[in-house]
Protein backbone atom coordinates (compact mmCIF):
# COMPACT_ATOMS: atom_id res chain seq x y z
CA MET A 1 5.91 64.90 -16.85
CA GLN A 2 2.38 65.79 -15.88
CA ILE A 3 1.13 68.91 -14.14
CA VAL A 4 -0.67 67.81 -10.98
CA TYR A 5 -1.07 71.15 -9.19
CA ARG A 6 -1.23 74.82 -10.21
CA ALA A 7 -0.21 77.03 -7.30
CA ASN A 8 -1.13 80.66 -6.67
CA HIS A 9 2.04 81.31 -4.68
CA LEU A 10 5.38 79.74 -3.91
CA PHE A 11 4.39 78.51 -0.45
CA ASP A 12 1.65 76.25 -1.79
CA ALA A 13 3.88 74.96 -4.59
CA HIS A 14 6.59 73.93 -2.16
CA LEU A 15 4.09 72.50 0.32
CA VAL A 16 2.75 70.21 -2.41
CA ARG A 17 6.23 69.34 -3.67
CA HIS A 18 7.44 68.40 -0.19
CA ALA A 19 4.32 66.29 0.47
CA LEU A 20 4.88 64.41 -2.78
CA GLU A 21 8.57 63.88 -2.06
CA GLU A 22 7.71 62.69 1.47
CA ALA A 23 5.55 59.99 -0.16
CA GLY A 24 8.47 58.95 -2.36
CA LEU A 25 7.35 60.64 -5.59
CA PRO A 26 9.79 62.81 -7.51
CA ALA A 27 8.29 66.29 -7.96
CA PHE A 28 9.41 69.51 -9.64
CA VAL A 29 8.15 73.10 -9.28
CA LEU A 30 7.99 74.55 -12.77
CA GLY A 31 8.07 78.34 -13.18
CA GLU A 32 9.74 79.13 -9.87
CA SER A 33 12.61 81.02 -11.48
CA LEU A 34 10.18 83.21 -13.46
CA LEU A 35 8.64 84.86 -10.40
CA GLY A 36 11.11 87.76 -10.23
CA GLY A 37 10.69 88.55 -13.92
CA MET A 38 7.51 90.55 -13.38
CA GLY A 39 8.88 92.78 -10.64
CA GLU A 40 6.72 93.30 -7.58
CA LEU A 41 3.41 92.55 -9.31
CA PRO A 42 1.85 89.19 -8.43
CA VAL A 43 1.56 86.94 -11.46
CA PHE A 44 -0.73 83.93 -11.15
CA GLY A 45 -0.67 80.67 -13.03
CA MET A 46 3.08 80.41 -13.50
CA LEU A 47 3.79 77.93 -10.72
CA ARG A 48 3.04 74.33 -11.52
CA VAL A 49 4.02 71.16 -9.68
CA CYS A 50 4.91 68.30 -12.03
CA VAL A 51 5.49 64.58 -11.50
CA PRO A 52 6.37 61.72 -13.85
CA ASP A 53 3.44 60.39 -15.89
CA ALA A 54 3.31 57.10 -13.98
CA ALA A 55 2.94 58.89 -10.61
CA ALA A 56 0.16 61.31 -11.59
CA GLY A 57 -2.71 59.29 -10.08
CA GLN A 58 -0.98 58.77 -6.75
CA ALA A 59 0.07 62.44 -6.69
CA GLN A 60 -3.54 63.60 -7.13
CA ASP A 61 -4.58 61.50 -4.12
CA ILE A 62 -1.82 63.02 -1.98
CA ILE A 63 -2.71 66.56 -3.05
CA ALA A 64 -6.40 65.98 -2.32
CA ALA A 65 -5.47 64.82 1.19
CA LEU A 66 -3.63 68.12 1.81
CA ASP A 67 -6.96 69.97 1.63
CA LEU A 68 -5.35 73.24 0.54
CA GLY A 69 -8.56 74.94 -0.53
CA ALA A 70 -10.66 74.48 2.60
CA ALA A 71 -10.15 77.77 4.44
CA PRO A 72 -12.81 78.71 6.98
CA GLU A 73 -15.31 81.32 5.85
CA ASP A 74 -14.83 83.50 8.93
CA PRO A 75 -11.75 82.56 10.98
CA ALA A 76 -12.56 85.18 13.63
CA TRP A 77 -15.80 83.41 14.58
CA ASP A 78 -15.62 81.43 17.79
CA GLU A 79 -18.21 78.67 17.37
CA ASP A 80 -18.04 77.68 21.06
CA ALA A 81 -18.79 81.19 22.29
CA GLY A 82 -21.47 81.78 19.65
CA GLU A 83 -20.17 85.23 18.80
CA PRO A 84 -17.30 86.77 16.86
CA GLY A 85 -14.06 87.16 18.72
CA ILE A 86 -10.50 88.27 18.23
CA LEU A 87 -8.00 85.58 17.51
CA PRO A 88 -4.44 85.79 18.84
CA ALA A 89 -1.79 86.72 16.31
């Protein structure tokens, strides 16, 4: 097994796992059962998504296509209006 993604929270780990499984690759979230061990404090670096060694290259391509790290710098900025605005909840 190879680690192909290190997640900061459970949502990202499962998003990646489901995307890999959708593409036909077996994937496993390692460290999921350890989250409750630290109480209410957030612990980073425990969640890892793993795939078989032979699928690591294809998994990296799928993860790159998810574009998980490209959050906008200022989501409240309305580029069309040219000024900041309030976004609906």
